[in-house]
Amino acid sequence: MTISTVSFSTETATAAHLRTDGYAILPNVFSPEETAGLLRTIESAEASSPNFRRSQDVFAIRNLLSEVPQLWAQLLTPRLRAVLTELFPEQMPHLVKAIYFDKPAGSNWLVAWHQDVMVAVDRRLDLPGYGPWSGKNGETAVLPPRGILESIVTLRLHLDDCDATNGALRVVPGSHRHGVIPNEQHPDFTPQAVTCAVPAGGLMLMQPLTLHASQRSTSTRSRRVIHLEFSAAELPAGLQWQERREVICHPECSAAE
């Protein structure tokens, strides 16, 4: 089953759909010209850093905005600012993570069912409710309290038309309301999964606790995505989001284009 798009005409509709189902799709956020500009910037980046991972089945850039800082200005269009204002009506959020994913045509890469439960932070501290911790590739990550995870909204900007044939995400509606789900319980939820087709220039919005996966590509089309995570939450004193960037609101934030 493929989900339908969701109208973002009001903040109430947006918040209600994310709250009840844990995901939503918003087409036509970036124009074809804006999307092409983002791709040109990514393709021109120097790929010598360890944050660039390339294989036959995947190309990924972690800590994207540190590696390709000029993308930030291109991403913060008036339309994206308006979406963030609707999603976070009380306070403009900060960016907490940015990754680029490219699943090439015919990729055998798949992602098993999981939730995004670890957050990248600047150091390891002994804090109540934080743990376990992990550290690899120079990144410190931790499982935070549930309230921190629930404060995050993921915006997946699709740079190509995406459907079931080229690796569209599958999600389990409502699974975010169950907290962290043990791996052995995933099969209890996945029969309710739906496929999230997203047009180029559109956003897929998701709560990190929403159970999700993606299949191998059977298409001749790539699936290129900029994965952005935003939160208005502050971490405890002494701890900071590793990739934090502020979103400065301009006057046009109050109205969608």
Protein backbone atom coordinates (compact mmCIF):
# COMPACT_ATOMS: atom_id res chain seq x y z
CA MET A 1 0.00 0.00 0.00
CA THR A 2 1.24 3.51 -0.83
CA ILE A 3 0.30 6.43 1.39
CA SER A 4 -1.33 9.56 0.07
CA THR A 5 0.06 13.04 0.52
CA VAL A 6 -1.05 15.17 3.45
CA SER A 7 -2.17 18.76 3.25
CA PHE A 8 -0.12 21.23 5.30
CA SER A 9 -2.64 24.06 5.02
CA THR A 10 -2.85 24.38 8.80
CA GLU A 11 -0.54 23.70 11.71
CA THR A 12 -3.30 21.59 13.29
CA ALA A 13 -3.44 19.14 10.37
CA THR A 14 0.33 18.82 10.30
CA ALA A 15 0.73 18.20 14.03
CA ALA A 16 -2.24 15.82 14.15
CA HIS A 17 -0.94 13.58 11.37
CA LEU A 18 2.56 13.40 12.81
CA ARG A 19 1.17 12.77 16.28
CA THR A 20 -1.15 9.95 15.26
CA ASP A 21 0.79 8.21 12.46
CA GLY A 22 4.39 9.30 12.97
CA TYR A 23 4.96 10.33 9.33
CA ALA A 24 3.58 12.57 6.58
CA ILE A 25 4.43 13.55 3.00
CA LEU A 26 4.62 17.11 1.74
CA PRO A 27 5.25 17.49 -2.03
CA ASN A 28 6.56 20.53 -3.90
CA VAL A 29 8.64 22.06 -1.11
CA PHE A 30 11.68 22.57 -3.36
CA SER A 31 11.41 23.61 -7.00
CA PRO A 32 13.19 21.64 -9.76
CA GLU A 33 15.74 24.49 -9.97
CA GLU A 34 16.40 24.40 -6.21
CA THR A 35 16.72 20.62 -6.25
CA ALA A 36 19.16 20.74 -9.17
CA GLY A 37 21.21 23.37 -7.35
CA LEU A 38 21.51 21.16 -4.27
CA LEU A 39 22.68 18.25 -6.41
CA ARG A 40 25.29 20.41 -8.16
CA THR A 41 26.69 21.51 -4.81
CA ILE A 42 26.88 17.94 -3.50
CA GLU A 43 28.45 16.61 -6.68
CA SER A 44 31.14 19.32 -6.63
CA ALA A 45 32.19 18.58 -3.02
CA GLU A 46 35.66 17.28 -2.23
CA ALA A 47 35.12 13.64 -1.20
CA SER A 48 38.35 12.89 0.64
CA SER A 49 36.96 12.99 4.19
CA PRO A 50 36.13 9.77 6.11
CA ASN A 51 32.57 11.12 6.34
CA PHE A 52 32.19 10.25 2.63
CA ARG A 53 31.29 6.59 2.20
CA ARG A 54 31.11 5.19 -1.32
CA SER A 55 30.50 1.66 -2.55
CA GLN A 56 28.68 -0.08 -5.40
CA ASP A 57 25.43 0.04 -3.45
CA VAL A 58 25.52 3.34 -1.57
CA PHE A 59 27.07 6.77 -1.42
CA ALA A 60 26.62 8.63 1.86
CA ILE A 61 27.94 11.82 3.46
CA ARG A 62 27.69 12.03 7.24
CA ASN A 63 27.95 15.33 9.11
CA LEU A 64 26.83 16.76 5.79
CA LEU A 65 26.83 20.46 6.60
CA SER A 66 30.34 20.40 8.02
CA GLU A 67 31.53 18.68 4.86
CA VAL A 68 29.46 20.81 2.44
CA PRO A 69 28.65 24.00 4.42
CA GLN A 70 27.33 25.92 1.42
CA LEU A 71 24.29 23.61 1.37
CA TRP A 72 22.85 25.23 4.50
CA ALA A 73 21.91 28.48 2.77
CA GLN A 74 20.46 26.54 -0.17
CA LEU A 75 18.33 24.39 2.14
CA LEU A 76 16.88 27.27 4.17
CA THR A 77 14.42 28.42 1.51
CA PRO A 78 11.36 30.43 2.53
CA ARG A 79 9.23 27.32 1.92
CA LEU A 80 11.33 25.16 4.24
CA ARG A 81 11.30 27.87 6.90
CA ALA A 82 7.52 27.98 6.64
CA VAL A 83 7.31 24.20 7.12
CA LEU A 84 9.53 24.42 10.21
CA THR A 85 7.36 27.20 11.61
CA GLU A 86 4.29 24.97 11.24
CA LEU A 87 6.03 21.99 12.81
CA PHE A 88 7.49 23.97 15.71
CA PRO A 89 4.95 26.74 16.36
CA GLU A 90 6.27 27.71 19.81
CA GLN A 91 9.98 28.01 19.02
CA MET A 92 12.11 27.80 15.88
CA PRO A 93 14.10 24.56 16.15
CA HIS A 94 17.78 23.90 15.59
CA LEU A 95 19.19 21.37 13.17
CA VAL A 96 20.71 18.40 15.03
CA LYS A 97 21.77 16.03 12.20
CA ALA A 98 22.26 16.10 8.44
CA ILE A 99 23.14 13.16 6.16
CA TYR A 100 23.12 12.64 2.39
CA PHE A 101 22.13 9.23 1.01
CA ASP A 102 22.38 8.05 -2.58
CA LYS A 103 20.98 4.61 -3.38
CA PRO A 104 22.17 4.09 -7.00
CA ALA A 105 20.11 2.33 -9.65
CA GLY A 106 19.98 -1.40 -9.05
CA SER A 107 21.45 -1.11 -5.55
CA ASN A 108 21.39 -4.28 -3.44
CA TRP A 109 21.57 -2.17 -0.28
CA LEU A 110 18.60 -2.58 2.03
CA VAL A 111 17.90 -1.27 5.52
CA ALA A 112 16.26 -3.60 8.04
CA TRP A 113 13.43 -2.51 10.32
CA HIS A 114 14.66 -0.07 12.96
CA GLN A 115 14.03 3.16 14.84
CA ASP A 116 16.44 6.10 14.93
CA VAL A 117 17.14 6.06 18.67
CA MET A 118 20.76 7.26 18.96
CA VAL A 119 21.65 10.97 18.85
CA ALA A 120 25.09 12.42 18.11
CA VAL A 121 26.52 14.59 20.90
CA ASP A 122 29.79 16.43 21.52
CA ARG A 123 31.03 14.39 24.49
CA ARG A 124 30.29 11.51 26.83
CA LEU A 125 28.87 12.43 30.24
CA ASP A 126 27.42 10.41 33.12
CA LEU A 127 23.83 11.64 33.03
CA PRO A 128 20.65 10.05 34.41
CA GLY A 129 18.54 8.52 31.64
CA TYR A 130 21.30 8.74 29.01
CA GLY A 131 22.77 5.46 27.75
CA PRO A 132 23.96 3.19 26.38
CA TRP A 133 26.72 5.13 24.63
CA SER A 134 28.62 4.34 21.45
CA GLY A 135 31.58 5.83 19.67
CA LYS A 136 32.81 5.19 16.14
CA ASN A 137 34.25 7.16 13.24
CA GLY A 138 34.91 10.05 15.62
CA GLU A 139 31.25 10.37 16.62
CA THR A 140 29.84 10.02 20.12
CA ALA A 141 26.22 8.83 20.20
CA VAL A 142 23.82 8.05 23.02
CA LEU A 143 20.31 6.74 23.59
CA PRO A 144 18.62 9.73 25.26
CA PRO A 145 15.39 9.81 27.30
CA ARG A 146 12.21 9.25 25.31
CA GLY A 147 11.23 12.92 25.59
CA ILE A 148 14.31 13.97 23.61
CA LEU A 149 13.55 11.48 20.84
CA GLU A 150 9.94 12.66 20.70
CA SER A 151 11.14 16.25 20.28
CA ILE A 152 12.86 15.45 16.97
CA VAL A 153 11.23 15.67 13.55
CA THR A 154 13.08 14.20 10.58
CA LEU A 155 12.69 15.90 7.18
CA ARG A 156 13.83 13.71 4.30
CA LEU A 157 14.20 15.89 1.21
CA HIS A 158 13.94 13.74 -1.90
CA LEU A 159 16.05 14.81 -4.86
CA ASP A 160 14.57 12.13 -7.14
CA ASP A 161 11.09 10.70 -7.59
CA CYS A 162 10.95 7.79 -5.17
CA ASP A 163 8.65 4.78 -4.99
CA ALA A 164 8.82 1.10 -4.06
CA THR A 165 11.05 0.27 -7.04
CA ASN A 166 13.96 2.52 -6.02
CA GLY A 167 14.04 2.17 -2.27
CA ALA A 168 11.20 4.26 -0.83
CA LEU A 169 10.94 3.99 2.93
CA ARG A 170 8.39 1.66 4.45
CA VAL A 171 6.96 2.77 7.80
CA VAL A 172 4.65 1.33 10.44
CA PRO A 173 1.97 3.94 11.20
CA GLY A 174 1.61 4.67 14.91
CA SER A 175 4.68 2.70 15.96
CA HIS A 176 6.29 5.85 17.39
CA ARG A 177 3.77 5.79 20.22
CA HIS A 178 5.31 2.58 21.64
CA GLY A 179 8.68 4.02 22.65
CA VAL A 180 11.81 2.02 21.89
CA ILE A 181 10.64 -1.32 20.48
CA PRO A 182 12.95 -4.33 21.07
CA ASN A 183 14.19 -5.94 17.85
CA GLU A 184 12.48 -9.22 18.59
CA GLN A 185 9.11 -7.42 18.68
CA HIS A 186 9.46 -5.78 15.24
CA PRO A 187 7.61 -8.63 13.45
CA ASP A 188 4.54 -7.86 15.59
CA PHE A 189 4.34 -4.41 13.97
CA THR A 190 5.58 -4.78 10.40
CA PRO A 191 2.45 -6.38 8.88
CA GLN A 192 0.87 -2.90 9.13
CA ALA A 193 3.67 -1.25 7.10
CA VAL A 194 3.01 1.18 4.24
CA THR A 195 5.30 2.44 1.46
CA CYS A 196 6.07 6.15 1.29
CA ALA A 197 6.32 7.34 -2.31
CA VAL A 198 7.70 10.90 -2.49
CA PRO A 199 8.15 13.08 -5.60
CA ALA A 200 11.39 14.94 -6.28
CA GLY A 201 11.44 18.18 -4.30
CA GLY A 202 9.08 16.76 -1.68
CA LEU A 203 9.57 16.06 2.00
CA MET A 204 8.85 12.94 3.96
CA LEU A 205 8.37 13.90 7.61
CA MET A 206 8.92 11.29 10.30
CA GLN A 207 9.29 10.84 14.02
CA PRO A 208 12.57 9.03 14.87
CA LEU A 209 10.65 6.41 16.88
CA THR A 210 8.60 5.46 13.82
CA LEU A 211 9.61 1.93 12.79
CA HIS A 212 10.98 2.07 9.24
CA ALA A 213 12.97 0.14 6.62
CA SER A 214 13.82 0.21 2.92
CA GLN A 215 14.11 -2.48 0.25
CA ARG A 216 16.67 -3.12 -2.47
CA SER A 217 16.30 -1.08 -5.65
CA THR A 218 14.89 -2.78 -8.74
CA SER A 219 14.80 0.42 -10.78
CA THR A 220 17.15 2.22 -13.15
CA ARG A 221 16.57 5.40 -11.10
CA SER A 222 18.67 6.66 -8.21
CA ARG A 223 17.19 7.54 -4.82
CA ARG A 224 19.04 10.59 -3.51
CA VAL A 225 17.91 12.04 -0.19
CA ILE A 226 19.05 14.78 2.19
CA HIS A 227 18.12 13.62 5.70
CA LEU A 228 17.66 16.50 8.18
CA GLU A 229 16.72 16.22 11.85
CA PHE A 230 15.36 19.20 13.79
CA SER A 231 14.53 19.67 17.48
CA ALA A 232 13.71 22.58 19.76
CA ALA A 233 14.87 20.61 22.84
CA GLU A 234 17.94 21.55 24.84
CA LEU A 235 20.22 18.83 26.19
CA PRO A 236 21.35 18.83 29.84
CA ALA A 237 24.05 21.29 30.89
CA GLY A 238 27.43 20.20 29.61
CA LEU A 239 26.05 18.21 26.68
CA GLN A 240 25.42 19.53 23.18
CA TRP A 241 24.09 18.20 19.88
CA GLN A 242 27.21 17.46 17.84
CA GLU A 243 25.88 18.94 14.58
CA ARG A 244 23.74 21.72 16.04
CA ARG A 245 22.99 24.65 13.74
CA GLU A 246 20.58 27.47 14.47
CA VAL A 247 17.70 28.30 12.14
CA ILE A 248 17.35 32.06 12.05
CA CYS A 249 13.76 32.94 11.25
CA HIS A 250 13.18 35.59 8.60
CA PRO A 251 9.91 37.53 8.25
CA GLU A 252 8.76 35.27 5.42
CA CYS A 253 8.67 32.30 7.85
CA SER A 254 5.13 33.21 8.75
CA ALA A 255 3.73 32.48 5.29
CA ALA A 256 4.24 29.56 2.93
CA GLU A 257 5.02 30.41 -0.64
